Amino acid sequence: MAEAFLQLSAEDRQEALRVAADRSGRPAHLLEKDVWVVWALATLFRSSIGEHLVFKGGTSLSKAFGVIRRFSEDVDLTYDIRQLLPDLVGDKLEALPETRSEEKRWTSEVRKRLPAWVSGTVEPILAQALTTESLAAAIRSDDDKLFLDYEATCAGSGYVGPSVMLEFGARSTGEPATEREIKCDADGLIDGVLFPFARPRVMRAERTFWEKATAIHVFCLQQRLRGDRFARHWHDLVRLDDAGLATAAFADRDLAHAVARHKKMFFPEKAADRSVIDYEAAVNGGLQLVPTGMGATALAEDYQRMVEDGLLLEDAEPFEELMARCKDIAERSVFA
């Protein structure tokens, strides 16, 4: 009879991961973290809040669409703004504020209500599941984030720790989204061992392309990293292009403008010269995807750290090659 991986003893989990690592060529500590990522998604999307959540970001590209081949350890989730702010959003078709003062009110309320919802609604769901299943892990909240700290049986270099971060946003509807099945990377590698699986609602990959492309555009104009592993966005963009999704995103002009309007309203940014970054110009052929100066140096160093810890698996092309591909994507966007 098959046994659930997370119900095995620590010794048996370690042995199973060693076998899965040998058969897949992937680091055991990353396979273990992936199990907890999928477990967290399965728990949330089968709960009462699942219908109002959307799984997005790089992890969704890897787990739900299979278009990137890197380990993505953090989970990005959107809670429908219409559920969090029903009194403010009302029946607005696009669920966007119409003025800057209205945006400030919405954002202020999101910042108040979202952490309370995360700690008061989401944290108990995960904590109860851990207790019910007698799992060696704990859940803690920090503002709009939850951290699932698990008892690791395998260790890496220290770049990836035994904790899954679930980050929640609530300034969009998360649409367009579709339900997708996701499995653990170790699934099917070991006879007699069952791994978690989930069926989350997932943001369409074309929207994720524009979300990442505009984030990269901002970085190129500001020349500063926002945390470790920021280089993942460039890697993801090229993998999306490999899958034909950059071309599909270029063709979906309505979606491109929707992302630009959303970011212009909720995430205004200034370039290093203090000028306001124009998202509409970016999605209309003005994308900058290759940084210069100190920005390029910082990005190259972050990328190398990701490569050294095995996060990019078999797709770890040289940094210069990655930048050349991104330059090509930006140039093609001009003629879309």
C-alpha atoms as a PDB file:
ATOM      1  CA  MET A   1       0.000   0.000   0.000  1.00  0.00           C
ATOM      2  CA  ALA A   2       1.301   3.457  -0.938  1.00  0.00           C
ATOM      3  CA  GLU A   3       2.259   5.812   1.883  1.00  0.00           C
ATOM      4  CA  ALA A   4       1.998   9.593   1.989  1.00  0.00           C
ATOM      5  CA  PHE A   5       5.448  11.182   1.904  1.00  0.00           C
ATOM      6  CA  LEU A   6       4.748  13.621   4.715  1.00  0.00           C
ATOM      7  CA  GLN A   7       3.558  10.812   6.978  1.00  0.00           C
ATOM      8  CA  LEU A   8       6.849   8.926   6.682  1.00  0.00           C
ATOM      9  CA  SER A   9       9.446   9.070   9.446  1.00  0.00           C
ATOM     10  CA  ALA A  10      12.218  11.659   9.081  1.00  0.00           C
ATOM     11  CA  GLU A  11      14.659   8.898   8.146  1.00  0.00           C
ATOM     12  CA  ASP A  12      12.358   7.480   5.483  1.00  0.00           C
ATOM     13  CA  ARG A  13      11.666  10.955   4.049  1.00  0.00           C
ATOM     14  CA  GLN A  14      15.391  11.567   3.826  1.00  0.00           C
ATOM     15  CA  GLU A  15      15.963   8.271   2.036  1.00  0.00           C
ATOM     16  CA  ALA A  16      13.072   8.903  -0.342  1.00  0.00           C
ATOM     17  CA  LEU A  17      14.447  12.329  -1.203  1.00  0.00           C
ATOM     18  CA  ARG A  18      17.909  10.871  -1.782  1.00  0.00           C
ATOM     19  CA  VAL A  19      16.473   8.373  -4.255  1.00  0.00           C
ATOM     20  CA  ALA A  20      14.369  11.068  -5.964  1.00  0.00           C
ATOM     21  CA  ALA A  21      17.426  13.318  -6.210  1.00  0.00           C
ATOM     22  CA  ASP A  22      19.485  10.525  -7.797  1.00  0.00           C
ATOM     23  CA  ARG A  23      16.749   9.780 -10.323  1.00  0.00           C
ATOM     24  CA  SER A  24      15.925  13.385 -11.187  1.00  0.00           C
ATOM     25  CA  GLY A  25      19.327  15.023 -10.903  1.00  0.00           C
ATOM     26  CA  ARG A  26      17.800  17.711  -8.693  1.00  0.00           C
ATOM     27  CA  PRO A  27      19.074  18.655  -5.221  1.00  0.00           C
ATOM     28  CA  ALA A  28      17.277  16.792  -2.443  1.00  0.00           C
ATOM     29  CA  HIS A  29      16.732  19.919  -0.339  1.00  0.00           C
ATOM     30  CA  LEU A  30      14.921  21.589  -3.244  1.00  0.00           C
ATOM     31  CA  LEU A  31      12.726  18.534  -3.812  1.00  0.00           C
ATOM     32  CA  GLU A  32      11.820  18.633  -0.126  1.00  0.00           C
ATOM     33  CA  LYS A  33      10.899  22.313  -0.197  1.00  0.00           C
ATOM     34  CA  ASP A  34       8.820  21.734  -3.312  1.00  0.00           C
ATOM     35  CA  VAL A  35       6.727  19.188  -1.389  1.00  0.00           C
ATOM     36  CA  TRP A  36       5.833  21.848   1.177  1.00  0.00           C
ATOM     37  CA  VAL A  37       5.013  24.373  -1.544  1.00  0.00           C
ATOM     38  CA  VAL A  38       2.512  21.974  -3.097  1.00  0.00           C
ATOM     39  CA  TRP A  39       1.117  20.969   0.313  1.00  0.00           C
ATOM     40  CA  ALA A  40       0.455  24.629   1.181  1.00  0.00           C
ATOM     41  CA  LEU A  41      -1.288  25.250  -2.145  1.00  0.00           C
ATOM     42  CA  ALA A  42      -3.401  22.118  -1.805  1.00  0.00           C
ATOM     43  CA  THR A  43      -4.453  23.107   1.706  1.00  0.00           C
ATOM     44  CA  LEU A  44      -5.429  26.660   0.762  1.00  0.00           C
ATOM     45  CA  PHE A  45      -7.255  25.931  -2.485  1.00  0.00           C
ATOM     46  CA  ARG A  46      -9.410  23.195  -1.034  1.00  0.00           C
ATOM     47  CA  SER A  47     -10.412  25.482   1.844  1.00  0.00           C
ATOM     48  CA  SER A  48     -13.308  27.932   1.997  1.00  0.00           C
ATOM     49  CA  ILE A  49     -11.132  30.797   0.692  1.00  0.00           C
ATOM     50  CA  GLY A  50      -9.832  28.901  -2.339  1.00  0.00           C
ATOM     51  CA  GLU A  51     -12.405  30.229  -4.799  1.00  0.00           C
ATOM     52  CA  HIS A  52     -11.224  33.804  -4.141  1.00  0.00           C
ATOM     53  CA  LEU A  53      -7.485  33.123  -4.461  1.00  0.00           C
ATOM     54  CA  VAL A  54      -5.267  33.138  -7.552  1.00  0.00           C
ATOM     55  CA  PHE A  55      -1.816  31.535  -7.667  1.00  0.00           C
ATOM     56  CA  LYS A  56       0.606  33.654  -9.687  1.00  0.00           C
ATOM     57  CA  GLY A  57       4.269  34.500 -10.249  1.00  0.00           C
ATOM     58  CA  GLY A  58       7.289  32.394 -11.126  1.00  0.00           C
ATOM     59  CA  THR A  59       6.266  29.421  -9.043  1.00  0.00           C
ATOM     60  CA  SER A  60       3.013  29.208 -11.004  1.00  0.00           C
ATOM     61  CA  LEU A  61       4.962  29.197 -14.268  1.00  0.00           C
ATOM     62  CA  SER A  62       7.020  26.267 -13.026  1.00  0.00           C
ATOM     63  CA  LYS A  63       4.384  24.237 -11.225  1.00  0.00           C
ATOM     64  CA  ALA A  64       1.215  24.924 -13.225  1.00  0.00           C
ATOM     65  CA  PHE A  65       2.466  25.591 -16.756  1.00  0.00           C
ATOM     66  CA  GLY A  66       5.819  23.814 -16.846  1.00  0.00           C
ATOM     67  CA  VAL A  67       7.398  26.609 -18.888  1.00  0.00           C
ATOM     68  CA  ILE A  68      10.299  27.334 -16.555  1.00  0.00           C
ATOM     69  CA  ARG A  69      12.772  24.822 -15.192  1.00  0.00           C
ATOM     70  CA  ARG A  70      13.999  26.503 -12.060  1.00  0.00           C
ATOM     71  CA  PHE A  71      13.154  25.919  -8.451  1.00  0.00           C
ATOM     72  CA  SER A  72      10.791  28.607  -7.226  1.00  0.00           C
ATOM     73  CA  GLU A  73      10.499  28.534  -3.470  1.00  0.00           C
ATOM     74  CA  ASP A  74       8.056  31.316  -2.678  1.00  0.00           C
ATOM     75  CA  VAL A  75       4.334  31.358  -3.350  1.00  0.00           C
ATOM     76  CA  ASP A  76       2.600  34.492  -4.653  1.00  0.00           C
ATOM     77  CA  LEU A  77      -1.142  34.648  -4.151  1.00  0.00           C
ATOM     78  CA  THR A  78      -3.767  37.260  -4.913  1.00  0.00           C
ATOM     79  CA  TYR A  79      -6.903  37.562  -2.813  1.00  0.00           C
ATOM     80  CA  ASP A  80      -9.671  39.120  -4.892  1.00  0.00           C
ATOM     81  CA  ILE A  81      -9.848  42.822  -4.051  1.00  0.00           C
ATOM     82  CA  ARG A  82     -13.618  42.657  -4.470  1.00  0.00           C
ATOM     83  CA  GLN A  83     -13.757  40.287  -1.494  1.00  0.00           C
ATOM     84  CA  LEU A  84     -11.443  42.351   0.704  1.00  0.00           C
ATOM     85  CA  LEU A  85     -12.911  45.773  -0.150  1.00  0.00           C
ATOM     86  CA  PRO A  86     -16.510  45.160  -1.226  1.00  0.00           C
ATOM     87  CA  ASP A  87     -17.613  48.478   0.284  1.00  0.00           C
ATOM     88  CA  LEU A  88     -15.068  50.432  -1.786  1.00  0.00           C
ATOM     89  CA  VAL A  89     -14.833  48.507  -5.055  1.00  0.00           C
ATOM     90  CA  GLY A  90     -18.578  48.093  -5.504  1.00  0.00           C
ATOM     91  CA  ASP A  91     -19.513  47.138  -9.058  1.00  0.00           C
ATOM     92  CA  LYS A  92     -16.542  48.750 -10.845  1.00  0.00           C
ATOM     93  CA  LEU A  93     -16.006  46.633 -13.965  1.00  0.00           C
ATOM     94  CA  GLU A  94     -12.189  46.691 -13.843  1.00  0.00           C
ATOM     95  CA  ALA A  95     -11.920  46.840 -10.024  1.00  0.00           C
ATOM     96  CA  LEU A  96      -9.604  49.841 -10.356  1.00  0.00           C
ATOM     97  CA  PRO A  97      -9.813  53.183  -8.530  1.00  0.00           C
ATOM     98  CA  GLU A  98     -10.614  56.101 -10.817  1.00  0.00           C
ATOM     99  CA  THR A  99      -8.542  58.794  -9.139  1.00  0.00           C
ATOM    100  CA  ARG A 100      -5.305  59.051  -7.198  1.00  0.00           C
ATOM    101  CA  SER A 101      -7.174  60.002  -4.018  1.00  0.00           C
ATOM    102  CA  GLU A 102      -9.427  56.967  -4.427  1.00  0.00           C
ATOM    103  CA  GLU A 103      -6.362  54.778  -4.927  1.00  0.00           C
ATOM    104  CA  LYS A 104      -4.904  56.078  -1.692  1.00  0.00           C
ATOM    105  CA  ARG A 105      -8.067  55.126   0.182  1.00  0.00           C
ATOM    106  CA  TRP A 106      -8.109  51.646  -1.372  1.00  0.00           C
ATOM    107  CA  THR A 107      -4.421  51.067  -0.681  1.00  0.00           C
ATOM    108  CA  SER A 108      -4.760  52.294   2.882  1.00  0.00           C
ATOM    109  CA  GLU A 109      -7.624  49.886   3.498  1.00  0.00           C
ATOM    110  CA  VAL A 110      -5.759  46.979   1.853  1.00  0.00           C
ATOM    111  CA  ARG A 111      -2.812  47.609   4.148  1.00  0.00           C
ATOM    112  CA  LYS A 112      -5.127  47.533   7.150  1.00  0.00           C
ATOM    113  CA  ARG A 113      -7.382  44.654   6.191  1.00  0.00           C
ATOM    114  CA  LEU A 114      -5.027  42.267   4.389  1.00  0.00           C
ATOM    115  CA  PRO A 115      -2.662  41.513   7.318  1.00  0.00           C
ATOM    116  CA  ALA A 116      -5.672  40.992   9.575  1.00  0.00           C
ATOM    117  CA  TRP A 117      -7.200  38.602   7.042  1.00  0.00           C
ATOM    118  CA  VAL A 118      -3.883  36.745   6.631  1.00  0.00           C
ATOM    119  CA  SER A 119      -3.380  36.251  10.363  1.00  0.00           C
ATOM    120  CA  GLY A 120      -7.032  35.817  11.277  1.00  0.00           C
ATOM    121  CA  THR A 121      -8.278  33.663   8.399  1.00  0.00           C
ATOM    122  CA  VAL A 122      -5.426  32.097   6.434  1.00  0.00           C
ATOM    123  CA  GLU A 123      -3.013  31.275   9.257  1.00  0.00           C
ATOM    124  CA  PRO A 124      -5.604  29.224  11.200  1.00  0.00           C
ATOM    125  CA  ILE A 125      -6.423  27.203   8.067  1.00  0.00           C
ATOM    126  CA  LEU A 126      -2.807  26.129   7.633  1.00  0.00           C
ATOM    127  CA  ALA A 127      -2.176  25.714  11.358  1.00  0.00           C
ATOM    128  CA  GLN A 128      -5.197  23.447  11.709  1.00  0.00           C
ATOM    129  CA  ALA A 129      -4.104  21.338   8.743  1.00  0.00           C
ATOM    130  CA  LEU A 130      -0.631  20.894  10.264  1.00  0.00           C
ATOM    131  CA  THR A 131      -2.196  19.777  13.531  1.00  0.00           C
ATOM    132  CA  THR A 132      -4.709  17.453  11.878  1.00  0.00           C
ATOM    133  CA  GLU A 133      -2.018  15.770   9.780  1.00  0.00           C
ATOM    134  CA  SER A 134       0.551  15.767  12.639  1.00  0.00           C
ATOM    135  CA  LEU A 135       3.191  17.397  10.462  1.00  0.00           C
ATOM    136  CA  ALA A 136       6.575  18.625  11.701  1.00  0.00           C
ATOM    137  CA  ALA A 137       6.129  22.251  10.727  1.00  0.00           C
ATOM    138  CA  ALA A 138       4.862  25.544  12.114  1.00  0.00           C
ATOM    139  CA  ILE A 139       3.138  28.545  10.612  1.00  0.00           C
ATOM    140  CA  ARG A 140       3.804  32.204  11.451  1.00  0.00           C
ATOM    141  CA  SER A 141       2.537  35.466   9.998  1.00  0.00           C
ATOM    142  CA  ASP A 142       4.317  38.740   9.272  1.00  0.00           C
ATOM    143  CA  ASP A 143       2.117  41.477   7.842  1.00  0.00           C
ATOM    144  CA  ASP A 144       0.885  40.193   4.433  1.00  0.00           C
ATOM    145  CA  LYS A 145       3.127  37.116   4.493  1.00  0.00           C
ATOM    146  CA  LEU A 146       2.914  33.668   6.033  1.00  0.00           C
ATOM    147  CA  PHE A 147       5.935  31.480   6.645  1.00  0.00           C
ATOM    148  CA  LEU A 148       5.684  27.708   6.735  1.00  0.00           C
ATOM    149  CA  ASP A 149       8.743  26.594   8.704  1.00  0.00           C
ATOM    150  CA  TYR A 150       9.264  22.872   8.248  1.00  0.00           C
ATOM    151  CA  GLU A 151      11.610  20.374   9.820  1.00  0.00           C
ATOM    152  CA  ALA A 152      14.139  19.738   7.046  1.00  0.00           C
ATOM    153  CA  THR A 153      15.644  16.321   6.481  1.00  0.00           C
ATOM    154  CA  CYS A 154      18.043  17.488   3.747  1.00  0.00           C
ATOM    155  CA  ALA A 155      20.329  20.533   3.690  1.00  0.00           C
ATOM    156  CA  GLY A 156      21.694  22.653   0.865  1.00  0.00           C
ATOM    157  CA  SER A 157      24.258  25.449   0.845  1.00  0.00           C
ATOM    158  CA  GLY A 158      22.135  27.709   3.022  1.00  0.00           C
ATOM    159  CA  TYR A 159      20.923  29.922   0.160  1.00  0.00           C
ATOM    160  CA  VAL A 160      17.522  28.185   0.340  1.00  0.00           C
ATOM    161  CA  GLY A 161      16.240  27.738   3.876  1.00  0.00           C
ATOM    162  CA  PRO A 162      13.609  25.314   5.274  1.00  0.00           C
ATOM    163  CA  SER A 163      10.767  27.804   5.106  1.00  0.00           C
ATOM    164  CA  VAL A 164       8.123  28.479   2.456  1.00  0.00           C
ATOM    165  CA  MET A 165       6.978  32.070   2.173  1.00  0.00           C
ATOM    166  CA  LEU A 166       3.429  32.687   1.055  1.00  0.00           C
ATOM    167  CA  GLU A 167       2.976  36.312   0.077  1.00  0.00           C
ATOM    168  CA  PHE A 168      -0.520  37.691  -0.356  1.00  0.00           C
ATOM    169  CA  GLY A 169      -1.652  40.662  -2.373  1.00  0.00           C
ATOM    170  CA  ALA A 170      -5.133  42.101  -2.730  1.00  0.00           C
ATOM    171  CA  ARG A 171      -4.974  44.952  -5.199  1.00  0.00           C
ATOM    172  CA  SER A 172      -6.418  43.094  -8.169  1.00  0.00           C
ATOM    173  CA  THR A 173      -8.875  40.356  -9.040  1.00  0.00           C
ATOM    174  CA  GLY A 174      -6.090  38.045 -10.232  1.00  0.00           C
ATOM    175  CA  GLU A 175      -7.866  37.577 -13.537  1.00  0.00           C
ATOM    176  CA  PRO A 176      -7.638  36.148 -16.089  1.00  0.00           C
ATOM    177  CA  ALA A 177      -7.084  32.826 -14.302  1.00  0.00           C
ATOM    178  CA  THR A 178      -7.734  29.143 -14.937  1.00  0.00           C
ATOM    179  CA  GLU A 179      -7.672  26.012 -12.775  1.00  0.00           C
ATOM    180  CA  ARG A 180      -4.580  23.837 -13.251  1.00  0.00           C
ATOM    181  CA  GLU A 181      -3.324  20.644 -11.620  1.00  0.00           C
ATOM    182  CA  ILE A 182       0.133  20.742 -10.074  1.00  0.00           C
ATOM    183  CA  LYS A 183       2.297  17.947  -8.712  1.00  0.00           C
ATOM    184  CA  CYS A 184       5.503  17.673  -6.716  1.00  0.00           C
ATOM    185  CA  ASP A 185       8.756  17.433  -8.678  1.00  0.00           C
ATOM    186  CA  ALA A 186       9.397  14.083  -6.977  1.00  0.00           C
ATOM    187  CA  ASP A 187       6.004  12.674  -7.971  1.00  0.00           C
ATOM    188  CA  GLY A 188       6.270   9.324  -9.748  1.00  0.00           C
ATOM    189  CA  LEU A 189       9.949   8.844  -8.959  1.00  0.00           C
ATOM    190  CA  ILE A 190       9.498   6.482  -6.016  1.00  0.00           C
ATOM    191  CA  ASP A 191       7.181   3.474  -6.045  1.00  0.00           C
ATOM    192  CA  GLY A 192       4.850   3.267  -3.071  1.00  0.00           C
ATOM    193  CA  VAL A 193       5.191   6.913  -2.033  1.00  0.00           C
ATOM    194  CA  LEU A 194       2.407   9.446  -2.581  1.00  0.00           C
ATOM    195  CA  PHE A 195       3.236  13.140  -2.800  1.00  0.00           C
ATOM    196  CA  PRO A 196       0.828  16.075  -2.368  1.00  0.00           C
ATOM    197  CA  PHE A 197      -0.962  17.549  -5.394  1.00  0.00           C
ATOM    198  CA  ALA A 198      -3.144  20.620  -5.805  1.00  0.00           C
ATOM    199  CA  ARG A 199      -5.639  22.232  -8.203  1.00  0.00           C
ATOM    200  CA  PRO A 200      -5.278  25.986  -7.733  1.00  0.00           C
ATOM    201  CA  ARG A 201      -6.715  28.785  -9.838  1.00  0.00           C
ATOM    202  CA  VAL A 202      -3.694  30.168 -11.683  1.00  0.00           C
ATOM    203  CA  MET A 203      -3.086  33.511 -13.357  1.00  0.00           C
ATOM    204  CA  ARG A 204      -2.721  33.222 -17.127  1.00  0.00           C
ATOM    205  CA  ALA A 205       0.917  33.019 -18.189  1.00  0.00           C
ATOM    206  CA  GLU A 206       0.542  35.951 -20.617  1.00  0.00           C
ATOM    207  CA  ARG A 207      -0.378  38.250 -17.747  1.00  0.00           C
ATOM    208  CA  THR A 208       2.542  36.930 -15.716  1.00  0.00           C
ATOM    209  CA  PHE A 209       4.802  37.795 -18.671  1.00  0.00           C
ATOM    210  CA  TRP A 210       3.665  41.431 -18.591  1.00  0.00           C
ATOM    211  CA  GLU A 211       3.891  41.574 -14.796  1.00  0.00           C
ATOM    212  CA  LYS A 212       7.493  40.389 -14.918  1.00  0.00           C
ATOM    213  CA  ALA A 213       8.471  42.458 -17.957  1.00  0.00           C
ATOM    214  CA  THR A 214       7.255  45.663 -16.350  1.00  0.00           C
ATOM    215  CA  ALA A 215       9.010  44.783 -13.061  1.00  0.00           C
ATOM    216  CA  ILE A 216      12.246  44.317 -15.025  1.00  0.00           C
ATOM    217  CA  HIS A 217      11.608  47.606 -16.853  1.00  0.00           C
ATOM    218  CA  VAL A 218      11.371  49.405 -13.500  1.00  0.00           C
ATOM    219  CA  PHE A 219      14.607  47.797 -12.284  1.00  0.00           C
ATOM    220  CA  CYS A 220      16.452  48.838 -15.436  1.00  0.00           C
ATOM    221  CA  LEU A 221      15.383  52.457 -14.898  1.00  0.00           C
ATOM    222  CA  GLN A 222      16.126  52.427 -11.150  1.00  0.00           C
ATOM    223  CA  GLN A 223      19.217  50.150 -11.203  1.00  0.00           C
ATOM    224  CA  ARG A 224      18.596  48.614  -7.783  1.00  0.00           C
ATOM    225  CA  LEU A 225      17.655  45.103  -6.698  1.00  0.00           C
ATOM    226  CA  ARG A 226      14.684  44.415  -4.455  1.00  0.00           C
ATOM    227  CA  GLY A 227      15.833  41.503  -2.367  1.00  0.00           C
ATOM    228  CA  ASP A 228      17.733  38.329  -3.213  1.00  0.00           C
ATOM    229  CA  ARG A 229      16.982  36.137  -6.233  1.00  0.00           C
ATOM    230  CA  PHE A 230      15.584  39.041  -8.243  1.00  0.00           C
ATOM    231  CA  ALA A 231      17.452  37.615 -11.256  1.00  0.00           C
ATOM    232  CA  ARG A 232      14.721  34.987 -11.482  1.00  0.00           C
ATOM    233  CA  HIS A 233      12.533  37.416 -13.426  1.00  0.00           C
ATOM    234  CA  TRP A 234      14.966  37.573 -16.368  1.00  0.00           C
ATOM    235  CA  HIS A 235      15.298  33.794 -16.423  1.00  0.00           C
ATOM    236  CA  ASP A 236      11.511  33.409 -16.371  1.00  0.00           C
ATOM    237  CA  LEU A 237      11.009  35.906 -19.176  1.00  0.00           C
ATOM    238  CA  VAL A 238      13.313  33.972 -21.487  1.00  0.00           C
ATOM    239  CA  ARG A 239      11.652  30.662 -20.640  1.00  0.00           C
ATOM    240  CA  LEU A 240       8.259  32.238 -21.399  1.00  0.00           C
ATOM    241  CA  ASP A 241       9.674  33.304 -24.753  1.00  0.00           C
ATOM    242  CA  ASP A 242      10.919  29.763 -25.396  1.00  0.00           C
ATOM    243  CA  ALA A 243       7.340  28.553 -24.898  1.00  0.00           C
ATOM    244  CA  GLY A 244       5.931  31.117 -27.349  1.00  0.00           C
ATOM    245  CA  LEU A 245       4.232  33.048 -24.564  1.00  0.00           C
ATOM    246  CA  ALA A 246       6.123  36.291 -25.115  1.00  0.00           C
ATOM    247  CA  THR A 247       4.728  36.409 -28.659  1.00  0.00           C
ATOM    248  CA  ALA A 248       1.262  35.581 -27.315  1.00  0.00           C
ATOM    249  CA  ALA A 249       1.573  38.337 -24.707  1.00  0.00           C
ATOM    250  CA  PHE A 250       2.656  40.856 -27.344  1.00  0.00           C
ATOM    251  CA  ALA A 251      -0.456  39.983 -29.364  1.00  0.00           C
ATOM    252  CA  ASP A 252      -2.820  40.510 -26.429  1.00  0.00           C
ATOM    253  CA  ARG A 253      -2.879  44.295 -26.429  1.00  0.00           C
ATOM    254  CA  ASP A 254      -5.898  44.538 -24.134  1.00  0.00           C
ATOM    255  CA  LEU A 255      -4.087  42.521 -21.484  1.00  0.00           C
ATOM    256  CA  ALA A 256      -0.905  44.565 -21.887  1.00  0.00           C
ATOM    257  CA  HIS A 257      -2.806  47.817 -21.361  1.00  0.00           C
ATOM    258  CA  ALA A 258      -4.730  46.340 -18.411  1.00  0.00           C
ATOM    259  CA  VAL A 259      -1.422  45.536 -16.675  1.00  0.00           C
ATOM    260  CA  ALA A 260      -0.095  49.012 -17.475  1.00  0.00           C
ATOM    261  CA  ARG A 261      -3.212  50.703 -16.077  1.00  0.00           C
ATOM    262  CA  HIS A 262      -3.096  48.573 -12.945  1.00  0.00           C
ATOM    263  CA  LYS A 263       0.577  49.291 -12.271  1.00  0.00           C
ATOM    264  CA  LYS A 264       0.207  52.979 -13.078  1.00  0.00           C
ATOM    265  CA  MET A 265      -2.555  53.284 -10.487  1.00  0.00           C
ATOM    266  CA  PHE A 266      -1.320  50.976  -7.718  1.00  0.00           C
ATOM    267  CA  PHE A 267       2.455  50.836  -8.237  1.00  0.00           C
ATOM    268  CA  PRO A 268       3.733  54.201  -9.490  1.00  0.00           C
ATOM    269  CA  GLU A 269       7.521  54.302  -9.630  1.00  0.00           C
ATOM    270  CA  LYS A 270      10.242  56.820 -10.377  1.00  0.00           C
ATOM    271  CA  ALA A 271      13.420  56.218 -12.337  1.00  0.00           C
ATOM    272  CA  ALA A 272      16.889  56.992 -10.995  1.00  0.00           C
ATOM    273  CA  ASP A 273      16.574  60.510 -12.459  1.00  0.00           C
ATOM    274  CA  ARG A 274      13.298  60.970 -10.475  1.00  0.00           C
ATOM    275  CA  SER A 275      11.120  60.993 -13.593  1.00  0.00           C
ATOM    276  CA  VAL A 276       7.845  59.050 -13.398  1.00  0.00           C
ATOM    277  CA  ILE A 277       8.033  55.644 -15.073  1.00  0.00           C
ATOM    278  CA  ASP A 278       5.516  55.369 -17.930  1.00  0.00           C
ATOM    279  CA  TYR A 279       4.054  51.838 -17.979  1.00  0.00           C
ATOM    280  CA  GLU A 280       1.944  52.563 -21.060  1.00  0.00           C
ATOM    281  CA  ALA A 281       5.077  53.480 -22.980  1.00  0.00           C
ATOM    282  CA  ALA A 282       6.747  50.297 -21.749  1.00  0.00           C
ATOM    283  CA  VAL A 283       4.028  47.983 -23.109  1.00  0.00           C
ATOM    284  CA  ASN A 284       3.870  49.971 -26.347  1.00  0.00           C
ATOM    285  CA  GLY A 285       7.373  49.162 -27.561  1.00  0.00           C
ATOM    286  CA  GLY A 286       9.416  50.945 -24.909  1.00  0.00           C
ATOM    287  CA  LEU A 287      10.405  47.956 -22.780  1.00  0.00           C
ATOM    288  CA  GLN A 288      13.872  48.058 -21.242  1.00  0.00           C
ATOM    289  CA  LEU A 289      14.937  44.585 -20.187  1.00  0.00           C
ATOM    290  CA  VAL A 290      18.754  44.867 -19.979  1.00  0.00           C
ATOM    291  CA  PRO A 291      20.263  46.888 -17.102  1.00  0.00           C
ATOM    292  CA  THR A 292      23.454  48.906 -17.298  1.00  0.00           C
ATOM    293  CA  GLY A 293      26.114  50.079 -14.869  1.00  0.00           C
ATOM    294  CA  MET A 294      25.825  49.064 -11.231  1.00  0.00           C
ATOM    295  CA  GLY A 295      22.433  47.517 -11.933  1.00  0.00           C
ATOM    296  CA  ALA A 296      24.006  45.048 -14.357  1.00  0.00           C
ATOM    297  CA  THR A 297      26.747  44.178 -11.854  1.00  0.00           C
ATOM    298  CA  ALA A 298      24.289  43.559  -9.014  1.00  0.00           C
ATOM    299  CA  LEU A 299      22.076  41.445 -11.250  1.00  0.00           C
ATOM    300  CA  ALA A 300      24.993  39.327 -12.496  1.00  0.00           C
ATOM    301  CA  GLU A 301      26.065  38.602  -8.906  1.00  0.00           C
ATOM    302  CA  ASP A 302      22.529  37.635  -7.864  1.00  0.00           C
ATOM    303  CA  TYR A 303      22.222  35.372 -10.907  1.00  0.00           C
ATOM    304  CA  GLN A 304      25.492  33.605 -10.093  1.00  0.00           C
ATOM    305  CA  ARG A 305      24.321  32.880  -6.544  1.00  0.00           C
ATOM    306  CA  MET A 306      21.166  31.278  -7.927  1.00  0.00           C
ATOM    307  CA  VAL A 307      23.226  29.127 -10.297  1.00  0.00           C
ATOM    308  CA  GLU A 308      25.589  27.978  -7.540  1.00  0.00           C
ATOM    309  CA  ASP A 309      22.744  26.727  -5.355  1.00  0.00           C
ATOM    310  CA  GLY A 310      21.144  24.752  -8.183  1.00  0.00           C
ATOM    311  CA  LEU A 311      17.973  26.838  -8.427  1.00  0.00           C
ATOM    312  CA  LEU A 312      18.107  27.100 -12.225  1.00  0.00           C
ATOM    313  CA  LEU A 313      18.455  23.363 -12.866  1.00  0.00           C
ATOM    314  CA  GLU A 314      19.435  22.646 -16.484  1.00  0.00           C
ATOM    315  CA  ASP A 315      18.582  26.109 -17.817  1.00  0.00           C
ATOM    316  CA  ALA A 316      21.524  27.975 -16.301  1.00  0.00           C
ATOM    317  CA  GLU A 317      22.791  29.688 -19.441  1.00  0.00           C
ATOM    318  CA  PRO A 318      25.642  32.206 -19.065  1.00  0.00           C
ATOM    319  CA  PHE A 319      24.517  35.617 -17.814  1.00  0.00           C
ATOM    320  CA  GLU A 320      25.637  37.308 -21.026  1.00  0.00           C
ATOM    321  CA  GLU A 321      23.503  34.935 -23.077  1.00  0.00           C
ATOM    322  CA  LEU A 322      20.501  35.615 -20.850  1.00  0.00           C
ATOM    323  CA  MET A 323      20.904  39.361 -21.356  1.00  0.00           C
ATOM    324  CA  ALA A 324      21.207  38.903 -25.137  1.00  0.00           C
ATOM    325  CA  ARG A 325      17.913  37.005 -25.169  1.00  0.00           C
ATOM    326  CA  CYS A 326      16.223  39.729 -23.128  1.00  0.00           C
ATOM    327  CA  LYS A 327      17.542  42.377 -25.509  1.00  0.00           C
ATOM    328  CA  ASP A 328      15.963  40.433 -28.379  1.00  0.00           C
ATOM    329  CA  ILE A 329      12.617  40.176 -26.569  1.00  0.00           C
ATOM    330  CA  ALA A 330      12.577  43.926 -25.958  1.00  0.00           C
ATOM    331  CA  GLU A 331      13.379  44.654 -29.599  1.00  0.00           C
ATOM    332  CA  ARG A 332      10.611  42.318 -30.810  1.00  0.00           C
ATOM    333  CA  SER A 333       8.068  43.994 -28.544  1.00  0.00           C
ATOM    334  CA  VAL A 334       8.506  47.207 -30.553  1.00  0.00           C
ATOM    335  CA  PHE A 335       7.024  45.582 -33.661  1.00  0.00           C
ATOM    336  CA  ALA A 336       4.255  43.576 -31.977  1.00  0.00           C
END
